N, C-alpha and C. Protein backbone atom coordinates (compact mmCIF):
# COMPACT_ATOMS: atom_id res chain seq x y z
N MET A 1 -52.67 -35.12 4.85
CA MET A 1 -53.68 -34.30 5.50
C MET A 1 -53.66 -34.60 6.99
N ALA A 2 -53.91 -33.57 7.79
CA ALA A 2 -53.89 -33.73 9.24
C ALA A 2 -55.11 -33.04 9.84
N THR A 3 -55.55 -33.56 10.94
CA THR A 3 -56.62 -32.94 11.70
C THR A 3 -56.01 -32.44 13.00
N VAL A 4 -56.34 -31.19 13.36
CA VAL A 4 -55.76 -30.60 14.56
C VAL A 4 -56.89 -30.16 15.48
N ARG A 5 -56.78 -30.52 16.74
CA ARG A 5 -57.75 -30.08 17.75
C ARG A 5 -57.12 -28.93 18.53
N LEU A 6 -57.86 -27.84 18.63
CA LEU A 6 -57.35 -26.65 19.31
C LEU A 6 -58.18 -26.34 20.54
N ASP A 7 -57.49 -25.83 21.57
CA ASP A 7 -58.23 -25.36 22.73
C ASP A 7 -58.89 -24.02 22.36
N ILE A 8 -59.78 -23.53 23.19
CA ILE A 8 -60.55 -22.33 22.88
C ILE A 8 -59.65 -21.12 22.66
N LYS A 9 -58.65 -20.95 23.49
CA LYS A 9 -57.73 -19.81 23.38
C LYS A 9 -57.00 -19.82 22.03
N THR A 10 -56.51 -20.98 21.63
CA THR A 10 -55.78 -21.10 20.36
C THR A 10 -56.74 -20.93 19.18
N GLU A 11 -57.94 -21.47 19.30
CA GLU A 11 -58.95 -21.32 18.24
C GLU A 11 -59.29 -19.85 18.03
N THR A 12 -59.44 -19.11 19.13
CA THR A 12 -59.75 -17.68 19.04
C THR A 12 -58.59 -16.93 18.39
N ALA A 13 -57.37 -17.24 18.77
CA ALA A 13 -56.20 -16.61 18.17
C ALA A 13 -56.13 -16.91 16.68
N LEU A 14 -56.43 -18.14 16.30
CA LEU A 14 -56.43 -18.52 14.89
C LEU A 14 -57.47 -17.73 14.11
N LYS A 15 -58.67 -17.60 14.66
CA LYS A 15 -59.73 -16.84 13.99
C LYS A 15 -59.30 -15.39 13.77
N ARG A 16 -58.67 -14.79 14.79
CA ARG A 16 -58.20 -13.41 14.65
C ARG A 16 -57.15 -13.29 13.55
N LEU A 17 -56.23 -14.23 13.51
CA LEU A 17 -55.19 -14.21 12.48
C LEU A 17 -55.78 -14.37 11.08
N VAL A 18 -56.75 -15.24 10.94
CA VAL A 18 -57.41 -15.46 9.65
C VAL A 18 -58.02 -14.16 9.14
N VAL A 19 -58.73 -13.46 10.01
CA VAL A 19 -59.39 -12.22 9.62
C VAL A 19 -58.33 -11.14 9.33
N ARG A 20 -57.38 -10.98 10.23
CA ARG A 20 -56.36 -9.94 10.11
C ARG A 20 -55.51 -10.13 8.85
N ARG A 21 -55.16 -11.36 8.52
CA ARG A 21 -54.27 -11.62 7.40
C ARG A 21 -55.02 -11.87 6.09
N GLY A 22 -56.30 -12.14 6.17
CA GLY A 22 -57.06 -12.43 4.96
C GLY A 22 -56.66 -13.76 4.34
N GLN A 23 -56.28 -14.69 5.18
CA GLN A 23 -55.86 -16.01 4.72
C GLN A 23 -56.85 -17.06 5.23
N THR A 24 -56.75 -18.26 4.69
CA THR A 24 -57.56 -19.35 5.19
C THR A 24 -56.93 -19.89 6.47
N ARG A 25 -57.69 -20.67 7.20
CA ARG A 25 -57.16 -21.31 8.41
C ARG A 25 -55.95 -22.18 8.07
N SER A 26 -56.08 -22.92 6.99
CA SER A 26 -55.00 -23.81 6.58
C SER A 26 -53.74 -23.03 6.25
N GLU A 27 -53.88 -21.89 5.56
CA GLU A 27 -52.71 -21.09 5.21
C GLU A 27 -52.00 -20.57 6.47
N VAL A 28 -52.77 -20.10 7.44
CA VAL A 28 -52.18 -19.59 8.68
C VAL A 28 -51.46 -20.71 9.42
N ILE A 29 -52.09 -21.86 9.51
CA ILE A 29 -51.48 -23.00 10.22
C ILE A 29 -50.22 -23.47 9.50
N ARG A 30 -50.26 -23.57 8.16
CA ARG A 30 -49.07 -23.99 7.41
C ARG A 30 -47.91 -23.02 7.62
N GLU A 31 -48.22 -21.71 7.58
CA GLU A 31 -47.18 -20.71 7.76
C GLU A 31 -46.58 -20.78 9.16
N ALA A 32 -47.44 -20.99 10.16
CA ALA A 32 -46.95 -21.10 11.54
C ALA A 32 -46.02 -22.30 11.70
N ILE A 33 -46.39 -23.42 11.11
CA ILE A 33 -45.56 -24.63 11.21
C ILE A 33 -44.25 -24.43 10.47
N THR A 34 -44.29 -23.79 9.31
CA THR A 34 -43.08 -23.53 8.54
C THR A 34 -42.12 -22.64 9.33
N ARG A 35 -42.66 -21.57 9.95
CA ARG A 35 -41.81 -20.67 10.75
C ARG A 35 -41.20 -21.41 11.94
N LEU A 36 -42.00 -22.21 12.61
CA LEU A 36 -41.49 -22.95 13.77
C LEU A 36 -40.39 -23.92 13.35
N ALA A 37 -40.59 -24.59 12.23
CA ALA A 37 -39.58 -25.53 11.73
C ALA A 37 -38.28 -24.80 11.39
N GLU A 38 -38.39 -23.62 10.79
CA GLU A 38 -37.20 -22.84 10.45
C GLU A 38 -36.47 -22.40 11.72
N GLU A 39 -37.21 -21.98 12.73
CA GLU A 39 -36.59 -21.58 14.00
C GLU A 39 -35.84 -22.75 14.63
N GLU A 40 -36.45 -23.93 14.59
CA GLU A 40 -35.82 -25.12 15.17
C GLU A 40 -34.52 -25.45 14.45
N GLU A 41 -34.50 -25.30 13.13
CA GLU A 41 -33.31 -25.62 12.35
C GLU A 41 -32.19 -24.62 12.62
N GLU A 42 -32.56 -23.36 12.89
CA GLU A 42 -31.57 -22.31 13.11
C GLU A 42 -31.02 -22.34 14.54
N ALA A 43 -31.77 -22.86 15.47
CA ALA A 43 -31.36 -22.84 16.88
C ALA A 43 -30.12 -23.72 17.08
N PRO A 44 -29.12 -23.19 17.79
CA PRO A 44 -27.94 -24.01 18.07
C PRO A 44 -28.31 -25.18 18.97
N ARG A 45 -27.74 -26.32 18.67
CA ARG A 45 -28.03 -27.51 19.45
C ARG A 45 -26.78 -27.95 20.19
N SER A 46 -26.97 -28.44 21.40
CA SER A 46 -25.84 -28.93 22.18
C SER A 46 -25.33 -30.23 21.56
N ALA A 47 -24.14 -30.61 21.97
CA ALA A 47 -23.58 -31.87 21.48
C ALA A 47 -24.49 -33.04 21.84
N TYR A 48 -25.07 -33.00 23.04
CA TYR A 48 -25.97 -34.08 23.45
C TYR A 48 -27.20 -34.12 22.53
N GLU A 49 -27.78 -32.95 22.24
CA GLU A 49 -28.96 -32.92 21.37
C GLU A 49 -28.64 -33.46 19.98
N GLN A 50 -27.45 -33.17 19.50
CA GLN A 50 -27.05 -33.65 18.18
C GLN A 50 -26.84 -35.15 18.16
N LEU A 51 -26.40 -35.70 19.27
CA LEU A 51 -26.11 -37.14 19.34
C LEU A 51 -27.20 -37.95 20.03
N GLN A 52 -28.27 -37.29 20.45
CA GLN A 52 -29.31 -37.94 21.24
C GLN A 52 -29.88 -39.18 20.56
N ALA A 53 -29.99 -39.16 19.25
CA ALA A 53 -30.54 -40.32 18.53
C ALA A 53 -29.64 -41.54 18.66
N PHE A 54 -28.37 -41.33 18.99
CA PHE A 54 -27.42 -42.43 19.05
C PHE A 54 -27.14 -42.91 20.47
N VAL A 55 -27.57 -42.15 21.47
CA VAL A 55 -27.29 -42.49 22.86
C VAL A 55 -28.06 -43.75 23.24
N GLY A 56 -27.36 -44.72 23.75
CA GLY A 56 -28.00 -45.94 24.24
C GLY A 56 -28.29 -46.98 23.17
N VAL A 57 -27.82 -46.79 21.94
CA VAL A 57 -28.12 -47.76 20.89
C VAL A 57 -27.05 -48.83 20.73
N VAL A 58 -25.92 -48.66 21.41
CA VAL A 58 -24.83 -49.62 21.29
C VAL A 58 -24.79 -50.50 22.54
N ASP A 59 -24.68 -51.78 22.33
CA ASP A 59 -24.59 -52.72 23.44
C ASP A 59 -23.13 -53.11 23.62
N SER A 60 -22.62 -52.95 24.82
CA SER A 60 -21.22 -53.26 25.09
C SER A 60 -20.98 -54.76 25.28
N GLY A 61 -22.02 -55.53 25.21
CA GLY A 61 -21.87 -56.97 25.41
C GLY A 61 -21.62 -57.33 26.86
N GLY A 62 -22.09 -56.47 27.76
CA GLY A 62 -21.93 -56.74 29.19
C GLY A 62 -20.58 -56.35 29.75
N LYS A 63 -19.78 -55.62 29.00
CA LYS A 63 -18.43 -55.28 29.45
C LYS A 63 -18.40 -54.10 30.42
N GLN A 64 -19.52 -53.41 30.61
CA GLN A 64 -19.61 -52.26 31.53
C GLN A 64 -18.48 -51.27 31.26
N LEU A 65 -18.44 -50.78 30.04
CA LEU A 65 -17.35 -49.90 29.61
C LEU A 65 -17.32 -48.56 30.33
N SER A 66 -18.43 -48.16 30.92
CA SER A 66 -18.44 -46.86 31.60
C SER A 66 -17.94 -46.94 33.04
N THR A 67 -17.61 -48.11 33.51
CA THR A 67 -17.12 -48.28 34.88
C THR A 67 -15.73 -47.67 35.02
N GLU A 68 -15.56 -46.84 36.02
CA GLU A 68 -14.27 -46.23 36.34
C GLU A 68 -13.68 -45.41 35.20
N THR A 69 -14.53 -44.75 34.42
CA THR A 69 -14.00 -43.94 33.32
C THR A 69 -13.14 -42.80 33.82
N GLY A 70 -13.50 -42.20 34.96
CA GLY A 70 -12.69 -41.11 35.52
C GLY A 70 -11.29 -41.57 35.84
N LYS A 71 -11.19 -42.75 36.44
CA LYS A 71 -9.88 -43.31 36.80
C LYS A 71 -9.06 -43.59 35.53
N LYS A 72 -9.70 -44.17 34.54
CA LYS A 72 -9.01 -44.49 33.29
C LYS A 72 -8.55 -43.22 32.58
N LEU A 73 -9.38 -42.17 32.61
CA LEU A 73 -9.01 -40.91 31.98
C LEU A 73 -7.81 -40.28 32.69
N ARG A 74 -7.83 -40.29 34.02
CA ARG A 74 -6.70 -39.74 34.78
C ARG A 74 -5.40 -40.47 34.43
N GLU A 75 -5.48 -41.80 34.35
CA GLU A 75 -4.29 -42.59 34.00
C GLU A 75 -3.79 -42.25 32.60
N LEU A 76 -4.72 -42.09 31.67
CA LEU A 76 -4.35 -41.75 30.30
C LEU A 76 -3.69 -40.38 30.24
N LEU A 77 -4.27 -39.40 30.92
CA LEU A 77 -3.71 -38.05 30.94
C LEU A 77 -2.34 -38.03 31.62
N LYS A 78 -2.19 -38.82 32.66
CA LYS A 78 -0.91 -38.90 33.37
C LYS A 78 0.16 -39.49 32.44
N GLU A 79 -0.21 -40.52 31.70
CA GLU A 79 0.74 -41.13 30.75
C GLU A 79 1.16 -40.13 29.68
N ARG A 80 0.19 -39.40 29.14
CA ARG A 80 0.49 -38.42 28.09
C ARG A 80 1.35 -37.29 28.64
N SER A 81 1.04 -36.87 29.86
CA SER A 81 1.80 -35.79 30.46
C SER A 81 3.25 -36.20 30.69
N SER A 82 3.44 -37.40 31.17
CA SER A 82 4.81 -37.87 31.43
C SER A 82 5.56 -38.12 30.12
N ALA A 83 4.86 -38.47 29.07
CA ALA A 83 5.51 -38.68 27.77
C ALA A 83 6.01 -37.37 27.18
N ARG A 84 5.32 -36.26 27.48
CA ARG A 84 5.70 -34.94 26.96
C ARG A 84 6.78 -34.27 27.79
N SER A 85 6.84 -34.61 29.06
CA SER A 85 7.77 -33.94 29.98
C SER A 85 9.21 -34.31 29.66
N PRO A 86 10.07 -33.27 29.56
CA PRO A 86 11.49 -33.58 29.33
C PRO A 86 12.09 -34.16 30.61
N ARG A 87 12.95 -35.11 30.49
CA ARG A 87 13.54 -35.77 31.65
C ARG A 87 14.97 -35.41 31.81
């Protein structure tokens, strides 16, 4: 069970919905939450949003693994490129 505090504007909108739909306040609120949850599940999420729960949870042990990643990536790509190039 949950208790929800509503501002006046939202309370008025809820009252209108209750009358218009012939439902109880609880039924209207449950349906609204269900619809919102379904929308959230259907919405495409970015890679960051999908991995957000995991960001920052690993400790590198002080190795500063993110230092000079651009330089390391360039070197790796250069090595791969030269390995593919016919000589």
